[in-house]
Amino acid sequence: MARVAALEAAFREIAATRFHGLPLLNARLQVQAIAFAPQAGDDGEAAVGVLITPWFMNLVRLPVGAALAVGAKGERRVGGRVFEFIGAHEDRCGAFEACSLFSPMHEFADQAAAVATAHELLAQLRPAAPASAAPTAACTMAAVPSRRGFLFGRGA
């Protein structure tokens, strides 16, 4: 997806310029877009995934049509749950909508822990694949920060 690549490139540039050297950055993390996939809903079609940066982790919607105006808030349904998104725009990737999950990112030990958290969040929001499509190899997950449980009303 070209828009996902543009989103990642835009935030890599932000990390290297506007945010370079700021103390709120977790130097063990890098910009990475995680598992963006199409989603159709009452609020239109969009690619939805998680964006990890050294300063935040956001659930991001890349709407096919109109997006929320910059700074405007709106409720969006993702996987049966309603989240409040904020409209944003970056010249390199255009309009998008973001819902903050973690900020700052100091509680993540490394990129693998942040990526595992993003995948777990998306697994909670997306319907499970049919059993025949399940991978055969076991997957080892890194420890997930306890705030994940808070997001969905569960204990860690």
Protein backbone atom coordinates (compact mmCIF):
# COMPACT_ATOMS: atom_id res chain seq x y z
CA MET A 1 0.00 0.00 0.00
CA ALA A 2 1.49 3.25 -1.17
CA ARG A 3 -0.25 5.36 1.50
CA VAL A 4 1.11 3.19 4.32
CA ALA A 5 4.64 3.51 2.91
CA ALA A 6 4.12 7.28 2.62
CA LEU A 7 2.89 7.43 6.24
CA GLU A 8 5.98 5.55 7.43
CA ALA A 9 8.29 7.76 5.35
CA ALA A 10 6.65 10.93 6.68
CA PHE A 11 7.13 9.88 10.30
CA ARG A 12 10.70 8.70 9.69
CA GLU A 13 11.43 12.20 8.39
CA ILE A 14 9.72 13.75 11.44
CA ALA A 15 11.80 11.52 13.75
CA ALA A 16 15.00 12.58 11.98
CA THR A 17 14.18 16.30 11.90
CA ARG A 18 11.50 17.86 14.13
CA PHE A 19 11.82 15.28 16.92
CA HIS A 20 15.54 14.50 16.67
CA GLY A 21 17.19 14.51 20.10
CA LEU A 22 14.07 15.25 22.16
CA PRO A 23 14.09 13.59 25.59
CA LEU A 24 10.60 12.10 25.13
CA LEU A 25 11.95 9.71 22.46
CA ASN A 26 12.64 6.06 23.21
CA ALA A 27 15.94 5.58 21.36
CA ARG A 28 15.35 1.79 21.25
CA LEU A 29 12.36 2.28 18.93
CA GLN A 30 11.94 3.19 15.28
CA VAL A 31 9.06 4.19 13.02
CA GLN A 32 7.11 1.18 11.76
CA ALA A 33 3.64 0.69 10.29
CA ILE A 34 2.03 -2.53 11.53
CA ALA A 35 -0.53 -4.71 9.74
CA PHE A 36 -2.57 -2.13 7.86
CA ALA A 37 -5.60 -3.79 6.29
CA PRO A 38 -8.78 -2.59 4.57
CA GLN A 39 -11.82 -2.06 6.75
CA ALA A 40 -15.29 -1.04 5.65
CA GLY A 41 -17.70 0.47 8.13
CA ASP A 42 -20.39 3.03 8.82
CA ASP A 43 -17.77 5.79 8.64
CA GLY A 44 -16.43 4.71 5.24
CA GLU A 45 -13.68 2.52 3.90
CA ALA A 46 -10.16 2.90 5.29
CA ALA A 47 -6.90 1.08 5.78
CA VAL A 48 -6.48 0.54 9.53
CA GLY A 49 -3.32 -0.44 11.39
CA VAL A 50 -0.90 0.69 14.08
CA LEU A 51 1.88 3.23 13.69
CA ILE A 52 4.82 2.90 16.08
CA THR A 53 7.22 5.81 16.52
CA PRO A 54 9.84 6.49 19.21
CA TRP A 55 7.33 8.88 20.86
CA PHE A 56 3.90 7.28 20.36
CA MET A 57 1.89 4.24 19.27
CA ASN A 58 -1.34 5.14 17.48
CA LEU A 59 -4.19 3.25 15.92
CA VAL A 60 -4.36 4.90 12.48
CA ARG A 61 -7.06 5.09 9.82
CA LEU A 62 -6.18 6.03 6.25
CA PRO A 63 -9.65 6.84 4.86
CA VAL A 64 -10.38 6.21 1.18
CA GLY A 65 -12.72 9.21 1.10
CA ALA A 66 -12.96 12.26 3.31
CA ALA A 67 -11.12 12.23 6.64
CA LEU A 68 -11.77 14.21 9.78
CA ALA A 69 -10.55 17.81 9.51
CA VAL A 70 -7.18 18.48 11.15
CA GLY A 71 -7.75 18.65 14.90
CA ALA A 72 -11.38 17.50 14.68
CA LYS A 73 -12.41 14.53 16.80
CA GLY A 74 -14.75 11.74 15.80
CA GLU A 75 -15.77 8.33 16.99
CA ARG A 76 -14.84 5.45 14.71
CA ARG A 77 -15.72 1.79 15.07
CA VAL A 78 -12.80 -0.61 14.75
CA GLY A 79 -13.48 -4.30 15.32
CA GLY A 80 -16.69 -3.78 17.26
CA ARG A 81 -15.17 -1.19 19.60
CA VAL A 82 -15.54 2.58 19.36
CA PHE A 83 -12.43 4.76 19.55
CA GLU A 84 -12.02 8.53 19.43
CA PHE A 85 -9.82 9.56 16.50
CA ILE A 86 -8.33 12.96 15.71
CA GLY A 87 -7.94 14.23 12.16
CA ALA A 88 -4.37 14.91 11.04
CA HIS A 89 -2.43 15.72 7.88
CA GLU A 90 1.20 15.43 6.81
CA ASP A 91 2.28 16.68 3.39
CA ARG A 92 4.08 13.44 2.51
CA CYS A 93 1.12 11.14 3.23
CA GLY A 94 -2.00 13.29 3.20
CA ALA A 95 -4.96 13.12 5.59
CA PHE A 96 -5.26 10.42 8.24
CA GLU A 97 -6.99 9.82 11.56
CA ALA A 98 -5.15 8.80 14.72
CA CYS A 99 -6.12 7.37 18.09
CA SER A 100 -3.39 7.46 20.73
CA LEU A 101 -2.65 4.12 22.39
CA PHE A 102 0.66 4.86 24.15
CA SER A 103 2.63 8.07 24.62
CA PRO A 104 5.40 8.44 25.53
CA MET A 105 6.94 5.06 24.68
CA HIS A 106 9.48 4.67 27.50
CA GLU A 107 7.83 1.53 28.92
CA PHE A 108 8.79 -0.50 25.82
CA ALA A 109 12.11 -2.31 26.22
CA ASP A 110 12.69 -2.62 22.47
CA GLN A 111 11.11 -2.62 19.01
CA ALA A 112 10.06 -6.27 19.33
CA ALA A 113 7.98 -5.49 22.44
CA ALA A 114 6.27 -2.55 20.72
CA VAL A 115 5.55 -4.63 17.60
CA ALA A 116 4.19 -7.51 19.69
CA THR A 117 1.87 -5.09 21.51
CA ALA A 118 0.63 -3.66 18.20
CA HIS A 119 -0.05 -7.15 16.82
CA GLU A 120 -1.87 -8.19 20.02
CA LEU A 121 -4.02 -5.06 19.90
CA LEU A 122 -4.95 -5.71 16.27
CA ALA A 123 -5.66 -9.38 17.03
CA GLN A 124 -8.15 -8.21 19.67
CA LEU A 125 -9.82 -5.89 17.14
CA ARG A 126 -9.95 -8.13 14.09
CA PRO A 127 -11.97 -11.30 13.68
CA ALA A 128 -9.96 -14.50 13.93
CA ALA A 129 -8.96 -16.19 10.69
CA PRO A 130 -10.56 -19.56 9.94
CA ALA A 131 -8.73 -22.48 11.56
CA SER A 132 -7.53 -23.72 8.16
CA ALA A 133 -5.68 -20.41 7.63
CA ALA A 134 -3.94 -20.48 11.01
CA PRO A 135 -0.14 -20.66 10.87
CA THR A 136 1.39 -23.98 11.83
CA ALA A 137 4.50 -22.61 13.53
CA ALA A 138 4.26 -21.46 17.14
CA CYS A 139 4.76 -17.76 17.73
CA THR A 140 6.58 -16.39 20.78
CA MET A 141 5.27 -13.07 22.05
CA ALA A 142 7.35 -10.57 23.99
CA ALA A 143 6.05 -9.33 27.32
CA VAL A 144 3.26 -6.81 26.73
CA PRO A 145 2.97 -3.73 28.94
CA SER A 146 0.04 -3.82 31.33
CA ARG A 147 -1.71 -0.83 29.73
CA ARG A 148 -2.91 -3.20 26.96
CA GLY A 149 -5.19 -4.77 29.55
CA PHE A 150 -6.39 -1.34 30.58
CA LEU A 151 -7.38 -0.51 26.98
CA PHE A 152 -9.77 -3.46 26.88
CA GLY A 153 -10.85 -3.55 30.52
CA ARG A 154 -8.85 -6.63 31.46
CA GLY A 155 -6.10 -7.32 33.90
CA ALA A 156 -2.55 -7.72 32.57
